N, C-alpha and C. Protein backbone atom coordinates (compact mmCIF):
# COMPACT_ATOMS: atom_id res chain seq x y z
N MET A 1 -39.19 -38.99 68.04
CA MET A 1 -39.27 -38.50 66.72
C MET A 1 -39.54 -39.85 65.78
N PHE A 2 -38.83 -40.86 66.12
CA PHE A 2 -39.13 -42.09 65.22
C PHE A 2 -40.56 -42.64 65.43
N ARG A 3 -41.04 -42.62 66.67
CA ARG A 3 -42.30 -43.19 66.93
C ARG A 3 -43.33 -42.39 66.30
N SER A 4 -43.24 -41.06 66.25
CA SER A 4 -44.25 -40.26 65.67
C SER A 4 -44.18 -40.31 64.16
N SER A 5 -43.00 -40.61 63.51
CA SER A 5 -42.86 -40.73 62.18
C SER A 5 -43.57 -41.91 61.74
N VAL A 6 -43.57 -43.09 62.52
CA VAL A 6 -44.20 -44.25 62.14
C VAL A 6 -45.79 -44.02 62.43
N GLN A 7 -46.11 -43.50 63.52
CA GLN A 7 -47.59 -43.25 63.89
C GLN A 7 -48.20 -42.47 62.90
N TYR A 8 -47.61 -41.39 62.40
CA TYR A 8 -48.16 -40.41 61.49
C TYR A 8 -47.82 -40.75 60.03
N GLU A 9 -47.38 -41.93 59.73
CA GLU A 9 -47.19 -42.57 58.48
C GLU A 9 -46.20 -41.76 57.59
N ILE A 10 -45.23 -41.10 58.26
CA ILE A 10 -44.20 -40.51 57.43
C ILE A 10 -43.29 -41.43 57.05
N LEU A 11 -43.00 -42.57 57.89
CA LEU A 11 -42.14 -43.63 57.40
C LEU A 11 -42.80 -44.86 57.53
N ASP A 12 -42.97 -45.52 56.46
CA ASP A 12 -43.51 -46.83 56.46
C ASP A 12 -42.50 -47.89 56.80
N LEU A 13 -42.76 -48.87 57.70
CA LEU A 13 -41.77 -49.88 57.99
C LEU A 13 -41.67 -50.94 56.90
N PRO A 14 -40.48 -51.34 56.46
CA PRO A 14 -40.45 -52.30 55.49
C PRO A 14 -41.09 -53.64 55.91
N SER A 15 -41.70 -54.26 54.93
CA SER A 15 -42.33 -55.48 55.31
C SER A 15 -41.65 -56.83 54.92
N GLU A 16 -40.61 -56.69 53.96
CA GLU A 16 -39.82 -57.77 53.67
C GLU A 16 -38.48 -57.70 54.24
N VAL A 17 -37.89 -59.04 54.57
CA VAL A 17 -36.62 -59.01 54.98
C VAL A 17 -35.64 -58.49 53.91
N GLY A 18 -34.79 -57.42 54.38
CA GLY A 18 -33.73 -56.79 53.43
C GLY A 18 -34.38 -55.52 52.80
N GLU A 19 -35.67 -55.39 52.92
CA GLU A 19 -36.15 -54.10 52.38
C GLU A 19 -35.85 -52.84 53.19
N ILE A 20 -35.57 -51.66 52.38
CA ILE A 20 -35.23 -50.57 53.08
C ILE A 20 -36.21 -49.46 52.90
N GLU A 21 -36.51 -48.64 53.79
CA GLU A 21 -37.40 -47.48 53.53
C GLU A 21 -36.78 -46.26 54.03
N GLN A 22 -37.03 -45.26 53.28
CA GLN A 22 -36.37 -43.90 53.84
C GLN A 22 -37.46 -42.80 53.89
N ALA A 23 -37.10 -41.90 54.81
CA ALA A 23 -38.01 -40.69 54.93
C ALA A 23 -37.22 -39.45 55.45
N THR A 24 -37.76 -38.21 55.28
CA THR A 24 -37.10 -37.12 55.94
C THR A 24 -38.15 -36.60 56.92
N LEU A 25 -37.73 -36.20 58.11
CA LEU A 25 -38.36 -35.82 59.10
C LEU A 25 -37.64 -34.75 59.84
N GLU A 26 -38.21 -33.37 60.04
CA GLU A 26 -37.67 -32.29 60.74
C GLU A 26 -35.97 -32.09 60.42
N GLY A 27 -35.74 -32.24 59.18
CA GLY A 27 -34.47 -31.91 58.55
C GLY A 27 -33.50 -33.13 58.68
N LYS A 28 -34.05 -34.28 59.27
CA LYS A 28 -33.18 -35.47 59.48
C LYS A 28 -33.60 -36.60 58.47
N TYR A 29 -32.62 -37.38 58.19
CA TYR A 29 -32.98 -38.42 57.26
C TYR A 29 -33.07 -39.83 57.99
N LEU A 30 -34.17 -40.55 57.74
CA LEU A 30 -34.30 -41.84 58.37
C LEU A 30 -34.14 -42.90 57.47
N ILE A 31 -33.41 -43.97 57.72
CA ILE A 31 -33.29 -45.14 56.86
C ILE A 31 -33.67 -46.29 57.75
N THR A 32 -34.69 -47.11 57.44
CA THR A 32 -35.10 -48.27 58.20
C THR A 32 -34.88 -49.51 57.28
N ARG A 33 -34.26 -50.59 57.90
CA ARG A 33 -34.05 -51.70 57.27
C ARG A 33 -34.77 -53.00 57.93
N ALA A 34 -35.43 -53.83 57.27
CA ALA A 34 -36.00 -54.92 57.94
C ALA A 34 -35.28 -56.14 57.88
N GLU A 35 -35.15 -56.87 59.02
CA GLU A 35 -34.49 -58.27 59.13
C GLU A 35 -35.58 -59.22 59.53
N ARG A 36 -35.19 -60.36 59.80
CA ARG A 36 -36.07 -61.44 60.24
C ARG A 36 -36.91 -61.02 61.60
N LEU A 37 -36.05 -60.52 62.48
CA LEU A 37 -36.75 -60.35 63.92
C LEU A 37 -36.78 -58.83 64.33
N VAL A 38 -36.06 -57.87 63.48
CA VAL A 38 -35.96 -56.54 63.94
C VAL A 38 -36.21 -55.74 62.74
N TRP A 39 -36.51 -54.33 63.04
CA TRP A 39 -36.24 -53.20 62.17
C TRP A 39 -35.17 -52.36 62.80
N ILE A 40 -34.25 -51.80 61.91
CA ILE A 40 -33.29 -50.99 62.52
C ILE A 40 -33.25 -49.68 61.73
N THR A 41 -33.33 -48.57 62.41
CA THR A 41 -33.40 -47.28 61.86
C THR A 41 -32.18 -46.43 62.30
N LEU A 42 -31.65 -45.82 61.14
CA LEU A 42 -30.51 -44.83 61.27
C LEU A 42 -31.28 -43.53 61.08
N ILE A 43 -30.97 -42.55 61.99
CA ILE A 43 -31.23 -41.22 61.89
C ILE A 43 -30.05 -40.40 61.60
N LEU A 44 -29.99 -39.77 60.47
CA LEU A 44 -28.72 -39.06 60.05
C LEU A 44 -28.92 -37.64 59.78
N LYS A 45 -27.98 -36.91 59.98
CA LYS A 45 -28.01 -35.34 59.83
C LYS A 45 -27.85 -35.07 58.41
N TYR A 46 -27.06 -35.92 57.64
CA TYR A 46 -26.84 -35.65 56.27
C TYR A 46 -27.46 -36.73 55.37
N LYS A 47 -27.73 -36.40 54.07
CA LYS A 47 -28.43 -37.21 53.22
C LYS A 47 -27.51 -38.50 53.05
N PRO A 48 -28.13 -39.66 53.17
CA PRO A 48 -27.35 -40.95 53.12
C PRO A 48 -26.90 -41.34 51.70
N ILE A 49 -25.83 -41.87 51.75
CA ILE A 49 -25.12 -42.40 50.40
C ILE A 49 -25.37 -43.92 50.36
N ARG A 50 -25.10 -44.46 49.26
CA ARG A 50 -25.17 -45.96 49.08
C ARG A 50 -24.40 -46.70 50.10
N PHE A 51 -23.14 -46.29 50.31
CA PHE A 51 -22.38 -46.96 51.31
C PHE A 51 -22.98 -46.94 52.69
N THR A 52 -23.67 -45.98 53.07
CA THR A 52 -24.45 -45.91 54.42
C THR A 52 -25.40 -46.99 54.41
N ARG A 53 -26.18 -47.23 53.27
CA ARG A 53 -27.04 -48.41 53.23
C ARG A 53 -26.46 -49.74 53.30
N GLU A 54 -25.24 -49.84 52.70
CA GLU A 54 -24.59 -51.16 52.91
C GLU A 54 -24.05 -51.45 54.30
N VAL A 55 -23.49 -50.29 54.98
CA VAL A 55 -23.07 -50.57 56.35
C VAL A 55 -24.32 -50.79 57.14
N LEU A 56 -25.36 -50.29 57.09
CA LEU A 56 -26.75 -50.65 57.77
C LEU A 56 -26.97 -52.01 57.46
N LYS A 57 -26.98 -52.51 56.29
CA LYS A 57 -27.30 -53.89 56.08
C LYS A 57 -26.32 -54.79 56.72
N PHE A 58 -24.97 -54.42 56.73
CA PHE A 58 -24.06 -55.31 57.49
C PHE A 58 -24.38 -55.23 58.79
N PHE A 59 -24.62 -54.16 59.50
CA PHE A 59 -24.91 -54.11 60.87
C PHE A 59 -26.06 -54.87 61.26
N CYS A 60 -27.22 -54.81 60.59
CA CYS A 60 -28.37 -55.54 60.69
C CYS A 60 -28.19 -57.05 60.80
N LYS A 61 -27.42 -57.54 59.93
CA LYS A 61 -27.10 -58.90 59.81
C LYS A 61 -26.28 -59.29 61.03
N LEU A 62 -25.25 -58.64 61.33
CA LEU A 62 -24.43 -58.81 62.52
C LEU A 62 -25.20 -58.76 63.77
N PHE A 63 -26.11 -57.81 63.97
CA PHE A 63 -26.88 -57.69 65.17
C PHE A 63 -27.81 -58.96 65.37
N GLU A 64 -28.56 -59.22 64.24
CA GLU A 64 -29.40 -60.50 64.39
C GLU A 64 -28.54 -61.78 64.68
N ASN A 65 -27.49 -61.88 64.02
CA ASN A 65 -26.61 -63.14 64.19
C ASN A 65 -26.13 -63.15 65.74
N GLN A 66 -25.61 -62.15 66.12
CA GLN A 66 -24.87 -62.05 67.47
C GLN A 66 -25.93 -62.04 68.57
N TYR A 67 -27.02 -61.41 68.35
CA TYR A 67 -28.01 -61.34 69.48
C TYR A 67 -29.28 -61.89 69.24
N ASN A 68 -29.25 -63.00 68.36
CA ASN A 68 -30.48 -63.71 68.10
C ASN A 68 -31.14 -64.15 69.31
N ARG A 69 -30.56 -64.81 70.18
CA ARG A 69 -31.28 -65.48 71.50
C ARG A 69 -31.87 -64.17 72.35
N GLU A 70 -31.09 -63.20 72.51
CA GLU A 70 -31.45 -62.10 73.33
C GLU A 70 -32.71 -61.35 72.63
N ILE A 71 -32.72 -61.23 71.37
CA ILE A 71 -33.85 -60.48 70.64
C ILE A 71 -35.11 -61.48 70.87
N GLN A 72 -34.95 -62.78 70.64
CA GLN A 72 -36.20 -63.59 70.77
C GLN A 72 -36.71 -63.65 72.16
N GLU A 73 -35.78 -63.50 73.14
CA GLU A 73 -36.17 -63.57 74.63
C GLU A 73 -36.27 -62.33 75.26
N LEU A 74 -36.24 -61.20 74.46
CA LEU A 74 -36.19 -59.80 75.05
C LEU A 74 -37.39 -59.67 75.97
N TYR A 75 -38.55 -60.02 75.54
CA TYR A 75 -39.85 -59.71 76.40
C TYR A 75 -40.32 -60.79 77.22
N THR A 76 -39.42 -61.98 77.17
CA THR A 76 -39.87 -63.10 78.19
C THR A 76 -38.78 -63.11 79.23
N LYS A 77 -37.74 -63.88 78.84
CA LYS A 77 -36.58 -64.07 79.82
C LYS A 77 -36.07 -62.70 80.33
N PHE A 78 -35.77 -61.80 79.53
CA PHE A 78 -35.10 -60.60 79.91
C PHE A 78 -36.10 -59.39 80.29
N GLU A 79 -37.29 -59.74 80.21
CA GLU A 79 -38.52 -58.80 80.70
C GLU A 79 -38.26 -57.45 80.09
N GLY A 80 -37.88 -57.30 78.88
CA GLY A 80 -37.67 -55.89 78.20
C GLY A 80 -36.41 -55.17 78.67
N ASP A 81 -35.63 -55.79 79.37
CA ASP A 81 -34.34 -55.13 79.81
C ASP A 81 -33.35 -55.28 78.67
N ILE A 82 -33.16 -53.85 78.06
CA ILE A 82 -32.20 -53.89 77.00
C ILE A 82 -30.69 -53.84 77.35
N SER A 83 -30.38 -53.69 78.65
CA SER A 83 -29.00 -53.68 79.16
C SER A 83 -28.31 -54.96 78.69
N VAL A 84 -29.07 -56.02 78.29
CA VAL A 84 -28.42 -57.19 77.85
C VAL A 84 -27.47 -56.96 76.66
N PHE A 85 -27.94 -56.06 75.87
CA PHE A 85 -27.16 -55.63 74.76
C PHE A 85 -25.94 -54.75 74.96
N HIS A 86 -25.78 -54.21 76.12
CA HIS A 86 -24.62 -53.38 76.51
C HIS A 86 -23.52 -53.99 77.27
N LYS A 87 -23.63 -55.35 77.36
CA LYS A 87 -22.62 -56.09 78.16
C LYS A 87 -21.64 -56.72 77.25
N ASP A 88 -20.28 -56.59 77.83
CA ASP A 88 -19.13 -57.40 76.95
C ASP A 88 -19.37 -58.83 77.42
N THR A 89 -19.09 -59.54 76.46
CA THR A 89 -18.90 -61.11 76.97
C THR A 89 -17.56 -61.66 76.41
N TYR A 90 -17.42 -62.83 76.80
CA TYR A 90 -16.08 -63.45 76.34
C TYR A 90 -15.93 -63.46 74.77
N SER A 91 -17.11 -63.72 74.15
CA SER A 91 -17.16 -63.97 72.72
C SER A 91 -17.48 -62.84 71.77
N ARG A 92 -17.96 -61.67 72.54
CA ARG A 92 -18.40 -60.52 71.61
C ARG A 92 -18.38 -59.29 72.44
N GLN A 93 -18.23 -58.18 71.67
CA GLN A 93 -18.28 -56.83 72.32
C GLN A 93 -19.73 -56.35 72.69
N SER A 94 -19.69 -55.39 73.40
CA SER A 94 -21.10 -54.77 73.75
C SER A 94 -21.59 -54.13 72.41
N LEU A 95 -22.82 -53.98 72.38
CA LEU A 95 -23.65 -53.39 71.12
C LEU A 95 -22.86 -51.99 71.01
N ASN A 96 -22.78 -51.24 72.02
CA ASN A 96 -22.22 -49.86 71.92
C ASN A 96 -20.90 -49.76 71.19
N LYS A 97 -20.08 -50.77 71.55
CA LYS A 97 -18.69 -50.87 70.97
C LYS A 97 -18.85 -51.27 69.43
N GLU A 98 -19.82 -52.15 69.10
CA GLU A 98 -20.07 -52.59 67.65
C GLU A 98 -20.57 -51.42 67.01
N LEU A 99 -21.55 -50.71 67.54
CA LEU A 99 -22.00 -49.47 66.94
C LEU A 99 -20.90 -48.35 66.48
N GLU A 100 -20.06 -48.18 67.57
CA GLU A 100 -19.05 -47.29 67.39
C GLU A 100 -18.15 -47.66 66.18
N GLU A 101 -17.78 -48.92 66.46
CA GLU A 101 -16.79 -49.47 65.31
C GLU A 101 -17.39 -49.46 63.88
N ILE A 102 -18.62 -49.94 63.92
CA ILE A 102 -19.16 -50.04 62.50
C ILE A 102 -19.59 -48.64 61.85
N PHE A 103 -20.34 -47.92 62.58
CA PHE A 103 -20.75 -46.66 62.07
C PHE A 103 -19.85 -45.51 62.11
N HIS A 104 -19.23 -45.32 63.26
CA HIS A 104 -18.40 -44.16 63.43
C HIS A 104 -17.15 -44.28 62.69
N LEU A 105 -16.37 -45.40 62.89
CA LEU A 105 -15.19 -45.71 62.27
C LEU A 105 -15.26 -45.83 60.66
N TYR A 106 -16.28 -46.59 60.27
CA TYR A 106 -16.31 -46.94 58.77
C TYR A 106 -16.84 -45.77 58.04
N LEU A 107 -17.60 -44.91 58.61
CA LEU A 107 -18.15 -43.76 57.88
C LEU A 107 -17.45 -42.61 57.99
N THR A 108 -16.54 -42.33 59.12
CA THR A 108 -16.04 -40.90 59.31
C THR A 108 -14.57 -40.99 59.35
N LEU A 109 -13.85 -41.96 59.93
CA LEU A 109 -12.49 -41.95 60.13
C LEU A 109 -11.86 -42.24 58.86
N PRO A 110 -10.59 -41.70 58.54
CA PRO A 110 -9.85 -42.20 57.38
C PRO A 110 -9.16 -43.44 57.66
N PHE A 111 -8.82 -44.18 56.66
CA PHE A 111 -8.06 -45.42 56.77
C PHE A 111 -6.66 -45.30 56.03
N LYS A 112 -5.74 -46.09 56.60
CA LYS A 112 -4.44 -46.19 55.91
C LYS A 112 -4.22 -47.59 55.39
N ILE A 113 -3.26 -47.73 54.50
CA ILE A 113 -2.99 -49.01 53.98
C ILE A 113 -2.14 -49.81 54.94
N GLY A 114 -2.49 -51.18 55.23
CA GLY A 114 -1.71 -51.92 56.06
C GLY A 114 -0.97 -52.89 55.22
N SER A 115 -0.62 -53.99 55.78
CA SER A 115 0.16 -54.98 54.91
C SER A 115 -0.64 -56.22 54.75
N THR A 116 -0.27 -56.97 53.61
CA THR A 116 -1.00 -58.02 53.22
C THR A 116 -0.14 -59.18 53.64
N ARG A 117 1.03 -58.95 54.02
CA ARG A 117 1.93 -60.15 54.56
C ARG A 117 1.20 -61.11 55.40
N GLY A 118 1.20 -62.46 55.11
CA GLY A 118 0.68 -63.39 55.98
C GLY A 118 -0.91 -63.37 56.06
N LYS A 119 -1.49 -62.62 55.11
CA LYS A 119 -3.03 -62.66 55.17
C LYS A 119 -3.56 -63.34 53.92
N LYS A 120 -4.68 -64.15 54.19
CA LYS A 120 -5.19 -64.82 52.97
C LYS A 120 -6.27 -63.96 52.44
N LEU A 121 -6.14 -63.41 51.24
CA LEU A 121 -7.09 -62.64 50.70
C LEU A 121 -7.66 -63.17 49.33
N SER A 122 -8.88 -63.00 49.10
CA SER A 122 -9.42 -63.45 47.83
C SER A 122 -8.88 -62.61 46.71
N PRO A 123 -8.90 -63.15 45.50
CA PRO A 123 -8.45 -62.37 44.30
C PRO A 123 -9.12 -61.05 44.24
N LYS A 124 -10.45 -60.96 44.40
CA LYS A 124 -11.08 -59.76 44.27
C LYS A 124 -10.78 -58.68 45.49
N ALA A 125 -10.41 -59.31 46.71
CA ALA A 125 -10.11 -58.50 47.77
C ALA A 125 -8.64 -57.88 47.49
N LYS A 126 -7.79 -58.73 46.89
CA LYS A 126 -6.44 -58.23 46.47
C LYS A 126 -6.52 -57.14 45.49
N LYS A 127 -7.43 -57.25 44.56
CA LYS A 127 -7.59 -56.17 43.53
C LYS A 127 -8.15 -54.99 44.16
N ILE A 128 -8.98 -54.98 45.11
CA ILE A 128 -9.57 -53.89 45.73
C ILE A 128 -8.39 -53.28 46.55
N PHE A 129 -7.68 -54.09 47.26
CA PHE A 129 -6.45 -53.60 48.03
C PHE A 129 -5.60 -52.84 47.04
N GLN A 130 -5.19 -53.28 46.03
CA GLN A 130 -4.22 -52.58 45.08
C GLN A 130 -5.00 -51.18 44.67
N PHE A 131 -6.10 -51.35 44.44
CA PHE A 131 -6.86 -50.18 43.87
C PHE A 131 -6.91 -49.13 45.13
N ALA A 132 -7.03 -49.56 46.38
CA ALA A 132 -7.07 -48.69 47.54
C ALA A 132 -5.66 -48.08 47.69
N LYS A 133 -4.61 -48.82 47.41
CA LYS A 133 -3.26 -48.29 47.65
C LYS A 133 -2.97 -47.03 46.59
N VAL A 134 -3.42 -47.17 45.40
CA VAL A 134 -3.34 -46.23 44.38
C VAL A 134 -4.08 -44.97 44.88
N LEU A 135 -5.31 -45.18 45.35
CA LEU A 135 -6.19 -44.07 45.89
C LEU A 135 -5.69 -43.45 47.17
N ALA A 136 -5.10 -44.23 47.92
CA ALA A 136 -4.51 -43.57 49.25
C ALA A 136 -3.37 -42.85 48.75
N HIS A 137 -2.48 -43.24 47.82
CA HIS A 137 -1.26 -42.44 47.43
C HIS A 137 -1.76 -41.12 46.98
N LYS A 138 -2.72 -41.06 46.06
CA LYS A 138 -3.24 -39.77 45.54
C LYS A 138 -3.86 -38.90 46.74
N GLU A 139 -4.35 -39.50 47.83
CA GLU A 139 -4.87 -38.83 49.03
C GLU A 139 -4.03 -38.54 50.16
N LYS A 140 -2.61 -38.55 49.86
CA LYS A 140 -1.58 -38.31 50.91
C LYS A 140 -1.67 -39.40 51.86
N GLY A 141 -1.84 -40.57 51.56
CA GLY A 141 -1.77 -41.71 52.55
C GLY A 141 -3.09 -42.09 53.27
N GLN A 142 -4.13 -41.52 53.05
CA GLN A 142 -5.37 -41.73 53.75
C GLN A 142 -6.49 -42.03 52.73
N ILE A 143 -7.59 -42.76 53.16
CA ILE A 143 -8.51 -43.06 52.31
C ILE A 143 -9.92 -43.16 53.16
N LEU A 144 -10.96 -42.65 52.67
CA LEU A 144 -12.21 -42.80 53.30
C LEU A 144 -12.93 -44.07 52.70
N LEU A 145 -13.56 -44.93 53.49
CA LEU A 145 -14.08 -46.22 52.93
C LEU A 145 -15.23 -45.91 52.01
N GLU A 146 -15.98 -44.78 52.30
CA GLU A 146 -17.17 -44.29 51.51
C GLU A 146 -16.68 -44.05 50.10
N LYS A 147 -15.43 -43.29 50.02
CA LYS A 147 -14.92 -43.02 48.70
C LYS A 147 -14.40 -44.10 48.05
N LEU A 148 -13.73 -45.02 48.79
CA LEU A 148 -13.21 -46.27 48.19
C LEU A 148 -14.40 -47.10 47.70
N PHE A 149 -15.52 -47.14 48.43
CA PHE A 149 -16.72 -47.88 47.95
C PHE A 149 -17.29 -47.33 46.64
N ARG A 150 -17.20 -46.01 46.58
CA ARG A 150 -17.77 -45.19 45.32
C ARG A 150 -16.87 -45.58 44.18
N GLU A 151 -15.60 -45.56 44.30
CA GLU A 151 -14.64 -45.72 43.29
C GLU A 151 -14.62 -47.09 42.84
N VAL A 152 -14.70 -48.08 43.68
CA VAL A 152 -14.60 -49.48 43.45
C VAL A 152 -15.90 -49.84 42.56
N ASN A 153 -17.06 -49.18 43.03
CA ASN A 153 -18.34 -49.34 42.37
C ASN A 153 -18.28 -48.79 40.89
N LYS A 154 -17.60 -47.68 40.69
CA LYS A 154 -17.48 -47.13 39.39
C LYS A 154 -16.52 -47.95 38.48
N SER A 155 -15.41 -48.51 39.02
CA SER A 155 -14.38 -49.23 38.28
C SER A 155 -14.41 -50.66 37.92
N PHE A 156 -15.28 -51.27 38.76
CA PHE A 156 -15.30 -52.79 38.68
C PHE A 156 -16.66 -53.30 38.59
N LYS A 157 -16.89 -54.41 38.02
CA LYS A 157 -18.10 -55.06 37.91
C LYS A 157 -18.45 -55.95 39.02
N ILE A 158 -18.53 -55.32 40.33
CA ILE A 158 -18.70 -56.02 41.61
C ILE A 158 -20.10 -55.39 42.13
N ASN A 159 -20.98 -56.23 42.62
CA ASN A 159 -22.23 -55.53 43.18
C ASN A 159 -21.96 -54.99 44.62
N ASN A 160 -22.89 -54.11 45.05
CA ASN A 160 -22.63 -53.37 46.13
C ASN A 160 -22.37 -54.24 47.45
N GLU A 161 -23.16 -55.21 47.55
CA GLU A 161 -23.03 -56.05 48.78
C GLU A 161 -21.80 -56.80 48.87
N GLU A 162 -21.26 -57.22 47.65
CA GLU A 162 -19.94 -57.79 47.63
C GLU A 162 -18.87 -56.88 47.78
N ILE A 163 -19.01 -55.69 47.46
CA ILE A 163 -17.95 -54.66 47.73
C ILE A 163 -17.94 -54.40 49.23
N ALA A 164 -19.04 -54.27 49.78
CA ALA A 164 -19.25 -54.03 51.30
C ALA A 164 -18.53 -55.12 52.08
N ASP A 165 -18.82 -56.37 51.65
CA ASP A 165 -18.19 -57.69 52.17
C ASP A 165 -16.65 -57.69 52.09
N LEU A 166 -16.26 -57.24 50.83
CA LEU A 166 -14.74 -57.16 50.62
C LEU A 166 -14.15 -56.17 51.48
N LEU A 167 -14.69 -54.97 51.63
CA LEU A 167 -14.08 -53.97 52.32
C LEU A 167 -13.97 -54.31 53.85
N TYR A 168 -15.04 -54.90 54.25
CA TYR A 168 -15.12 -55.33 55.74
C TYR A 168 -13.95 -56.44 55.84
N ALA A 169 -13.97 -57.30 54.92
CA ALA A 169 -12.77 -58.26 55.17
C ALA A 169 -11.40 -57.58 55.10
N LEU A 170 -11.20 -56.58 54.41
CA LEU A 170 -9.90 -55.94 54.44
C LEU A 170 -9.68 -55.21 55.66
N VAL A 171 -10.84 -54.67 56.32
CA VAL A 171 -10.75 -53.89 57.60
C VAL A 171 -10.53 -54.93 58.64
N GLU A 172 -11.13 -56.01 58.65
CA GLU A 172 -11.13 -57.03 59.72
C GLU A 172 -9.65 -57.73 59.74
N SER A 173 -8.96 -57.82 58.53
CA SER A 173 -7.80 -58.54 58.45
C SER A 173 -6.60 -57.48 58.77
N LYS A 174 -7.17 -56.19 58.98
CA LYS A 174 -6.16 -54.97 59.11
C LYS A 174 -5.22 -54.71 57.94
N THR A 175 -5.77 -55.06 56.93
CA THR A 175 -5.14 -54.70 55.65
C THR A 175 -5.47 -53.26 55.33
N LEU A 176 -6.58 -52.88 55.74
CA LEU A 176 -6.89 -51.38 55.88
C LEU A 176 -7.10 -51.08 57.34
N GLN A 177 -6.50 -50.12 57.88
CA GLN A 177 -6.48 -49.81 59.31
C GLN A 177 -6.88 -48.29 59.45
N THR A 178 -7.77 -48.23 60.51
CA THR A 178 -8.28 -46.80 60.76
C THR A 178 -7.04 -46.05 61.30
N ILE A 179 -7.11 -44.80 60.85
CA ILE A 179 -6.13 -43.74 61.43
C ILE A 179 -6.82 -43.10 62.70
N ALA A 180 -6.32 -43.55 63.80
CA ALA A 180 -6.79 -42.94 65.10
C ALA A 180 -7.00 -41.44 64.90
N GLN A 181 -8.14 -40.90 65.60
CA GLN A 181 -8.41 -39.53 65.35
C GLN A 181 -7.39 -38.67 65.82
N GLU A 182 -6.70 -38.88 66.87
CA GLU A 182 -5.51 -37.89 67.18
C GLU A 182 -4.47 -37.96 66.31
N GLU A 183 -4.06 -39.22 65.81
CA GLU A 183 -3.07 -39.31 64.75
C GLU A 183 -3.43 -38.71 63.56
N SER A 184 -4.70 -38.74 63.07
CA SER A 184 -5.27 -38.14 61.89
C SER A 184 -5.17 -36.64 61.97
N LYS A 185 -5.34 -36.13 63.12
CA LYS A 185 -5.41 -34.58 63.35
C LYS A 185 -3.94 -34.16 63.08
N LYS A 186 -3.03 -34.92 63.67
CA LYS A 186 -1.50 -34.47 63.56
C LYS A 186 -1.11 -34.61 61.97
N ARG A 187 -1.48 -35.80 61.42
CA ARG A 187 -0.85 -36.13 60.04
C ARG A 187 -1.72 -35.37 58.97
N PHE A 188 -3.00 -35.17 59.29
CA PHE A 188 -3.76 -34.72 58.00
C PHE A 188 -4.62 -33.58 58.56
N PRO A 189 -4.67 -32.47 57.70
CA PRO A 189 -5.48 -31.29 58.04
C PRO A 189 -6.92 -31.51 57.87
N ILE A 190 -7.54 -32.45 58.63
CA ILE A 190 -8.96 -32.67 58.65
C ILE A 190 -9.58 -32.23 59.87
N HIS A 191 -10.77 -31.70 59.90
CA HIS A 191 -11.47 -31.20 61.12
C HIS A 191 -12.55 -32.14 61.49
N PHE A 192 -12.73 -32.63 62.66
CA PHE A 192 -13.68 -33.58 63.07
C PHE A 192 -14.62 -32.83 63.92
């Protein structure tokens, strides 16, 4: 589907680093982002929101940084063998785990408020954390990052990229924690 959309010019590949192109094909939404070495495309069932683009941006940068050598040597040293992206190493998770963590967890699972004790957060991250606590309280203890992103975007004068970076920092520090799917089903009447 993706190859035919490029071949038949339904989707133009972005030409500049950081540029994003979107298209609709057979009822699916395609978003492609260009980086220095790769183009990465998401194929979605639902219309993408701004937070989706920010998560894609974050993933693209992470992918190029973590797999820079593998990308550059993919068709020489690795002879096109993409299994190099699926291996866990001492210093990083496999690409599949990264994808699961970034896209599935960030876009679908609810989060709960963790603790800030012993964590060094920037003043803006602390402000967003306090905002998240209020929002989570209104939502019976859970919060979706996409909703938090939208609300922060409406309420504060912070650009989208910085909001995404701050939310990522809160998740990485476990100040915002995912509610495991099974725990979520027990605690909250949400259907997955």
